[in-house]
């Protein structure tokens, strides 16, 4: 193979690898469904809509511990679907499967001003 053809083939391989890597980076940057991250003292996204039977995962990417607790947790006569996590240290996660429809407002018991909502249809 001539020197010119070898360079063209090498450039084609480099271009193909760059395209594959770029596609992987775009895929990694896309938000993951049914995932709520905790960072900068907020839930992200703050509101999410999910289908009945969906499992939602919260992951603490913040520097402080947080909880995920429905606003009506422990209230007599509260609707089904209440949940509360133990304190999540940075890097910890919590999952909950939503078996009933409704609007589930939740907060961090350590930082009550951090709030979120899961709407289950």
Protein backbone atom coordinates (compact mmCIF):
# COMPACT_ATOMS: atom_id res chain seq x y z
CA UNK A 1 0.00 0.00 0.00
CA UNK A 2 1.33 3.42 -0.84
CA UNK A 3 2.20 5.93 1.85
CA UNK A 4 -0.70 8.16 0.75
CA UNK A 5 -3.23 5.31 0.96
CA UNK A 6 -1.95 4.33 4.39
CA UNK A 7 -2.43 7.90 5.66
CA UNK A 8 -5.94 8.09 4.20
CA UNK A 9 -6.84 4.75 5.82
CA UNK A 10 -5.41 5.89 9.17
CA UNK A 11 -7.37 9.14 9.00
CA UNK A 12 -10.54 7.22 8.20
CA UNK A 13 -10.01 4.99 11.26
CA UNK A 14 -9.33 8.02 13.46
CA UNK A 15 -12.48 9.71 12.14
CA UNK A 16 -14.56 6.61 12.79
CA UNK A 17 -13.20 6.30 16.34
CA UNK A 18 -13.91 9.99 16.98
CA UNK A 19 -17.51 9.53 15.79
CA UNK A 20 -17.99 6.46 18.02
CA UNK A 21 -16.54 8.29 21.05
CA UNK A 22 -18.67 11.37 20.37
CA UNK A 23 -21.80 9.22 20.15
CA UNK A 24 -20.89 7.61 23.47
CA UNK A 25 -20.39 10.99 25.11
CA UNK A 26 -23.75 12.23 23.87
CA UNK A 27 -25.44 9.10 25.17
CA UNK A 28 -23.76 9.53 28.55
CA UNK A 29 -24.80 13.17 28.75
CA UNK A 30 -28.49 12.38 28.21
CA UNK A 31 -30.55 12.28 31.43
CA UNK A 32 -31.42 8.80 32.61
CA UNK A 33 -35.13 8.04 32.94
CA UNK A 34 -36.47 7.47 36.43
CA UNK A 35 -33.35 8.91 38.06
CA UNK A 36 -33.34 11.86 40.44
CA UNK A 37 -29.99 13.27 41.47
CA UNK A 38 -29.43 15.34 44.57
CA UNK A 39 -26.92 18.12 44.06
CA UNK A 40 -26.52 21.76 45.05
CA UNK A 41 -29.19 21.25 47.74
CA UNK A 42 -31.91 20.34 45.24
CA UNK A 43 -33.61 17.36 43.61
CA UNK A 44 -33.00 17.20 39.85
CA UNK A 45 -35.46 16.98 38.25
CA UNK A 46 -37.69 18.63 40.80
CA UNK A 47 -40.76 17.03 39.23
CA UNK A 48 -41.08 13.81 37.28
CA UNK A 49 -43.94 11.92 35.65
CA UNK A 50 -43.77 8.13 35.67
CA UNK A 51 -46.00 5.19 34.82
CA UNK A 52 -47.53 3.02 37.53
CA UNK A 53 -45.06 0.26 38.41
CA UNK A 54 -42.01 2.44 37.73
CA UNK A 55 -39.01 2.25 40.04
CA UNK A 56 -37.40 5.62 40.68
CA UNK A 57 -33.83 5.90 41.95
CA UNK A 58 -32.46 8.87 43.86
CA UNK A 59 -28.68 9.26 44.11
CA UNK A 60 -26.96 11.70 46.43
CA UNK A 61 -24.35 13.61 44.43
CA UNK A 62 -24.22 16.37 47.04
CA UNK A 63 -21.67 17.01 49.77
CA UNK A 64 -24.19 16.54 52.63
CA UNK A 65 -26.47 13.71 53.74
CA UNK A 66 -30.11 13.84 52.57
CA UNK A 67 -33.32 11.82 52.91
CA UNK A 68 -36.21 11.20 50.55
CA UNK A 69 -39.49 11.25 52.48
CA UNK A 70 -43.07 11.71 51.30
CA UNK A 71 -44.71 14.78 52.80
CA UNK A 72 -47.46 12.67 54.41
CA UNK A 73 -45.17 9.90 55.71
CA UNK A 74 -46.54 8.44 58.93
CA UNK A 75 -49.76 10.47 58.78
CA UNK A 76 -52.85 8.49 59.80
CA UNK A 77 -55.07 8.00 56.78
CA UNK A 78 -52.29 8.98 54.36
CA UNK A 79 -52.61 7.46 50.89
CA UNK A 80 -50.71 4.34 49.89
CA UNK A 81 -47.31 4.97 48.44
CA UNK A 82 -45.63 6.63 51.41
CA UNK A 83 -41.88 6.18 51.56
CA UNK A 84 -38.91 7.38 53.55
CA UNK A 85 -35.22 6.68 53.18
CA UNK A 86 -32.55 6.55 55.82
CA UNK A 87 -30.06 9.41 55.52
CA UNK A 88 -28.14 9.03 52.26
CA UNK A 89 -24.49 9.96 52.49
CA UNK A 90 -22.74 11.28 49.37
CA UNK A 91 -22.74 8.52 46.74
CA UNK A 92 -25.61 6.57 48.36
CA UNK A 93 -28.86 5.82 46.55
CA UNK A 94 -32.48 4.97 47.37
CA UNK A 95 -35.12 3.33 45.18
CA UNK A 96 -38.89 3.18 45.42
CA UNK A 97 -41.39 1.44 43.14
CA UNK A 98 -44.62 3.36 42.58
CA UNK A 99 -47.46 0.81 42.59
CA UNK A 100 -50.26 3.35 42.94
CA UNK A 101 -51.18 6.38 40.87
CA UNK A 102 -51.19 9.87 42.30
CA UNK A 103 -49.01 12.83 43.06
CA UNK A 104 -46.27 12.12 45.58
CA UNK A 105 -44.68 15.20 47.08
CA UNK A 106 -41.50 14.54 48.98
CA UNK A 107 -38.73 16.40 50.78
CA UNK A 108 -35.45 15.97 52.62
CA UNK A 109 -36.11 15.75 56.37
CA UNK A 110 -32.62 17.14 57.07
CA UNK A 111 -33.17 20.12 54.73
CA UNK A 112 -36.99 20.55 54.55
CA UNK A 113 -36.76 23.28 51.90
CA UNK A 114 -35.49 20.68 49.39
CA UNK A 115 -38.67 19.40 47.73
CA UNK A 116 -39.72 17.26 44.80
CA UNK A 117 -42.75 15.63 43.20
CA UNK A 118 -43.35 12.33 41.43
CA UNK A 119 -46.58 12.17 39.40
CA UNK A 120 -47.62 8.57 38.75
CA UNK A 121 -50.17 7.87 36.01
